[in-house]
Amino acid sequence: MMDEVTAALTMDQLLALNTRSVDEQASATLIARGWLAGIGLD
């Protein structure tokens, strides 16, 4: 699974995930689960 995550996670996506954590005050777990589901790794 780590290879798939590493291949899919770009710097732009990482910045977007960080922005969500700040703007929405969402938990890292919630954000990560959503992102993983979005790339088909849920």
PDB file of N, CA and C in Angstrom:
ATOM      1  N   MET A   1       0.816  -1.193   0.000  1.00  0.00           N
ATOM      2  CA  MET A   1       0.000   0.000   0.000  1.00  0.00           C
ATOM      3  C   MET A   1       0.866   1.266   0.000  1.00  0.00           C
ATOM      4  N   MET A   2       2.010   1.223   0.632  1.00  0.00           N
ATOM      5  CA  MET A   2       2.862   2.414   0.692  1.00  0.00           C
ATOM      6  C   MET A   2       3.320   2.854  -0.695  1.00  0.00           C
ATOM      7  N   ASP A   3       3.604   1.900  -1.565  1.00  0.00           N
ATOM      8  CA  ASP A   3       4.029   2.257  -2.921  1.00  0.00           C
ATOM      9  C   ASP A   3       2.931   3.009  -3.661  1.00  0.00           C
ATOM     10  N   GLU A   4       1.688   2.555  -3.493  1.00  0.00           N
ATOM     11  CA  GLU A   4       0.561   3.218  -4.148  1.00  0.00           C
ATOM     12  C   GLU A   4       0.356   4.629  -3.608  1.00  0.00           C
ATOM     13  N   VAL A   5       0.498   4.776  -2.311  1.00  0.00           N
ATOM     14  CA  VAL A   5       0.346   6.097  -1.693  1.00  0.00           C
ATOM     15  C   VAL A   5       1.455   7.029  -2.158  1.00  0.00           C
ATOM     16  N   THR A   6       2.671   6.544  -2.128  1.00  0.00           N
ATOM     17  CA  THR A   6       3.811   7.352  -2.548  1.00  0.00           C
ATOM     18  C   THR A   6       3.676   7.782  -4.007  1.00  0.00           C
ATOM     19  N   ALA A   7       3.209   6.882  -4.847  1.00  0.00           N
ATOM     20  CA  ALA A   7       3.053   7.189  -6.265  1.00  0.00           C
ATOM     21  C   ALA A   7       1.935   8.204  -6.500  1.00  0.00           C
ATOM     22  N   ALA A   8       0.911   8.174  -5.664  1.00  0.00           N
ATOM     23  CA  ALA A   8      -0.263   9.024  -5.881  1.00  0.00           C
ATOM     24  C   ALA A   8      -0.157  10.399  -5.219  1.00  0.00           C
ATOM     25  N   LEU A   9       0.637  10.519  -4.169  1.00  0.00           N
ATOM     26  CA  LEU A   9       0.676  11.761  -3.396  1.00  0.00           C
ATOM     27  C   LEU A   9       1.680  12.748  -3.981  1.00  0.00           C
ATOM     28  N   THR A  10       1.150  13.809  -4.556  1.00  0.00           N
ATOM     29  CA  THR A  10       2.001  14.864  -5.110  1.00  0.00           C
ATOM     30  C   THR A  10       2.136  15.991  -4.091  1.00  0.00           C
ATOM     31  N   MET A  11       3.060  16.883  -4.332  1.00  0.00           N
ATOM     32  CA  MET A  11       3.234  18.023  -3.439  1.00  0.00           C
ATOM     33  C   MET A  11       1.977  18.884  -3.423  1.00  0.00           C
ATOM     34  N   ASP A  12       1.356  19.074  -4.568  1.00  0.00           N
ATOM     35  CA  ASP A  12       0.116  19.863  -4.624  1.00  0.00           C
ATOM     36  C   ASP A  12      -0.988  19.218  -3.789  1.00  0.00           C
ATOM     37  N   GLN A  13      -1.099  17.900  -3.862  1.00  0.00           N
ATOM     38  CA  GLN A  13      -2.111  17.208  -3.070  1.00  0.00           C
ATOM     39  C   GLN A  13      -1.797  17.313  -1.580  1.00  0.00           C
ATOM     40  N   LEU A  14      -0.548  17.180  -1.232  1.00  0.00           N
ATOM     41  CA  LEU A  14      -0.149  17.297   0.165  1.00  0.00           C
ATOM     42  C   LEU A  14      -0.479  18.686   0.710  1.00  0.00           C
ATOM     43  N   LEU A  15      -0.214  19.711  -0.081  1.00  0.00           N
ATOM     44  CA  LEU A  15      -0.562  21.065   0.334  1.00  0.00           C
ATOM     45  C   LEU A  15      -2.069  21.241   0.477  1.00  0.00           C
ATOM     46  N   ALA A  16      -2.830  20.642  -0.425  1.00  0.00           N
ATOM     47  CA  ALA A  16      -4.291  20.722  -0.347  1.00  0.00           C
ATOM     48  C   ALA A  16      -4.809  20.015   0.902  1.00  0.00           C
ATOM     49  N   LEU A  17      -4.230  18.874   1.232  1.00  0.00           N
ATOM     50  CA  LEU A  17      -4.634  18.162   2.443  1.00  0.00           C
ATOM     51  C   LEU A  17      -4.312  18.995   3.685  1.00  0.00           C
ATOM     52  N   ASN A  18      -3.167  19.613   3.695  1.00  0.00           N
ATOM     53  CA  ASN A  18      -2.786  20.473   4.817  1.00  0.00           C
ATOM     54  C   ASN A  18      -3.723  21.669   4.929  1.00  0.00           C
ATOM     55  N   THR A  19      -4.071  22.259   3.805  1.00  0.00           N
ATOM     56  CA  THR A  19      -4.999  23.392   3.804  1.00  0.00           C
ATOM     57  C   THR A  19      -6.338  22.985   4.393  1.00  0.00           C
ATOM     58  N   ARG A  20      -6.825  21.802   4.032  1.00  0.00           N
ATOM     59  CA  ARG A  20      -8.088  21.311   4.611  1.00  0.00           C
ATOM     60  C   ARG A  20      -7.987  21.199   6.119  1.00  0.00           C
ATOM     61  N   SER A  21      -6.857  20.713   6.607  1.00  0.00           N
ATOM     62  CA  SER A  21      -6.718  20.535   8.056  1.00  0.00           C
ATOM     63  C   SER A  21      -6.774  21.873   8.780  1.00  0.00           C
ATOM     64  N   VAL A  22      -6.253  22.907   8.148  1.00  0.00           N
ATOM     65  CA  VAL A  22      -6.259  24.242   8.755  1.00  0.00           C
ATOM     66  C   VAL A  22      -7.614  24.911   8.572  1.00  0.00           C
ATOM     67  N   ASP A  23      -8.111  24.937   7.340  1.00  0.00           N
ATOM     68  CA  ASP A  23      -9.351  25.652   7.036  1.00  0.00           C
ATOM     69  C   ASP A  23     -10.584  24.989   7.653  1.00  0.00           C
ATOM     70  N   GLU A  24     -10.654  23.675   7.578  1.00  0.00           N
ATOM     71  CA  GLU A  24     -11.832  22.949   8.051  1.00  0.00           C
ATOM     72  C   GLU A  24     -11.683  22.445   9.482  1.00  0.00           C
ATOM     73  N   GLN A  25     -10.469  22.527  10.020  1.00  0.00           N
ATOM     74  CA  GLN A  25     -10.171  21.968  11.339  1.00  0.00           C
ATOM     75  C   GLN A  25     -10.561  20.490  11.409  1.00  0.00           C
ATOM     76  N   ALA A  26     -10.418  19.805  10.265  1.00  0.00           N
ATOM     77  CA  ALA A  26     -10.730  18.377  10.200  1.00  0.00           C
ATOM     78  C   ALA A  26      -9.542  17.583  10.741  1.00  0.00           C
ATOM     79  N   SER A  27      -9.833  16.416  11.272  1.00  0.00           N
ATOM     80  CA  SER A  27      -8.765  15.576  11.812  1.00  0.00           C
ATOM     81  C   SER A  27      -7.941  14.975  10.673  1.00  0.00           C
ATOM     82  N   ALA A  28      -6.701  14.675  10.979  1.00  0.00           N
ATOM     83  CA  ALA A  28      -5.817  14.050   9.990  1.00  0.00           C
ATOM     84  C   ALA A  28      -6.384  12.709   9.542  1.00  0.00           C
ATOM     85  N   THR A  29      -6.993  11.981  10.459  1.00  0.00           N
ATOM     86  CA  THR A  29      -7.580  10.686  10.124  1.00  0.00           C
ATOM     87  C   THR A  29      -8.701  10.841   9.109  1.00  0.00           C
ATOM     88  N   LEU A  30      -9.585  11.779   9.341  1.00  0.00           N
ATOM     89  CA  LEU A  30     -10.705  12.017   8.428  1.00  0.00           C
ATOM     90  C   LEU A  30     -10.208  12.438   7.047  1.00  0.00           C
ATOM     91  N   ILE A  31      -9.252  13.330   7.019  1.00  0.00           N
ATOM     92  CA  ILE A  31      -8.698  13.808   5.753  1.00  0.00           C
ATOM     93  C   ILE A  31      -7.992  12.672   5.012  1.00  0.00           C
ATOM     94  N   ALA A  32      -7.181  11.913   5.717  1.00  0.00           N
ATOM     95  CA  ALA A  32      -6.446  10.810   5.092  1.00  0.00           C
ATOM     96  C   ALA A  32      -7.391   9.744   4.558  1.00  0.00           C
ATOM     97  N   ARG A  33      -8.411   9.396   5.335  1.00  0.00           N
ATOM     98  CA  ARG A  33      -9.373   8.388   4.870  1.00  0.00           C
ATOM     99  C   ARG A  33     -10.080   8.854   3.610  1.00  0.00           C
ATOM    100  N   GLY A  34     -10.456  10.114   3.574  1.00  0.00           N
ATOM    101  CA  GLY A  34     -11.111  10.655   2.391  1.00  0.00           C
ATOM    102  C   GLY A  34     -10.203  10.638   1.181  1.00  0.00           C
ATOM    103  N   TRP A  35      -8.961  11.004   1.387  1.00  0.00           N
ATOM    104  CA  TRP A  35      -8.002  11.015   0.280  1.00  0.00           C
ATOM    105  C   TRP A  35      -7.749   9.597  -0.226  1.00  0.00           C
ATOM    106  N   LEU A  36      -7.552   8.662   0.691  1.00  0.00           N
ATOM    107  CA  LEU A  36      -7.334   7.272   0.299  1.00  0.00           C
ATOM    108  C   LEU A  36      -8.527   6.713  -0.452  1.00  0.00           C
ATOM    109  N   ALA A  37      -9.714   7.024   0.009  1.00  0.00           N
ATOM    110  CA  ALA A  37     -10.924   6.573  -0.694  1.00  0.00           C
ATOM    111  C   ALA A  37     -10.982   7.188  -2.098  1.00  0.00           C
ATOM    112  N   GLY A  38     -10.559   8.432  -2.207  1.00  0.00           N
ATOM    113  CA  GLY A  38     -10.573   9.108  -3.488  1.00  0.00           C
ATOM    114  C   GLY A  38      -9.633   8.512  -4.521  1.00  0.00           C
ATOM    115  N   ILE A  39      -8.591   7.843  -4.055  1.00  0.00           N
ATOM    116  CA  ILE A  39      -7.662   7.201  -4.995  1.00  0.00           C
ATOM    117  C   ILE A  39      -7.888   5.692  -5.051  1.00  0.00           C
ATOM    118  N   GLY A  40      -8.969   5.239  -4.419  1.00  0.00           N
ATOM    119  CA  GLY A  40      -9.330   3.825  -4.491  1.00  0.00           C
ATOM    120  C   GLY A  40      -8.614   2.910  -3.526  1.00  0.00           C
ATOM    121  N   LEU A  41      -8.085   3.468  -2.449  1.00  0.00           N
ATOM    122  CA  LEU A  41      -7.371   2.650  -1.466  1.00  0.00           C
ATOM    123  C   LEU A  41      -8.081   2.638  -0.113  1.00  0.00           C
ATOM    124  N   ASP A  42      -9.384   2.628  -0.141  1.00  0.00           N
ATOM    125  CA  ASP A  42     -10.122   2.617   1.128  1.00  0.00           C
ATOM    126  C   ASP A  42     -10.367   1.251   1.600  1.00  0.00           C
TER     127      ASP A  42
END
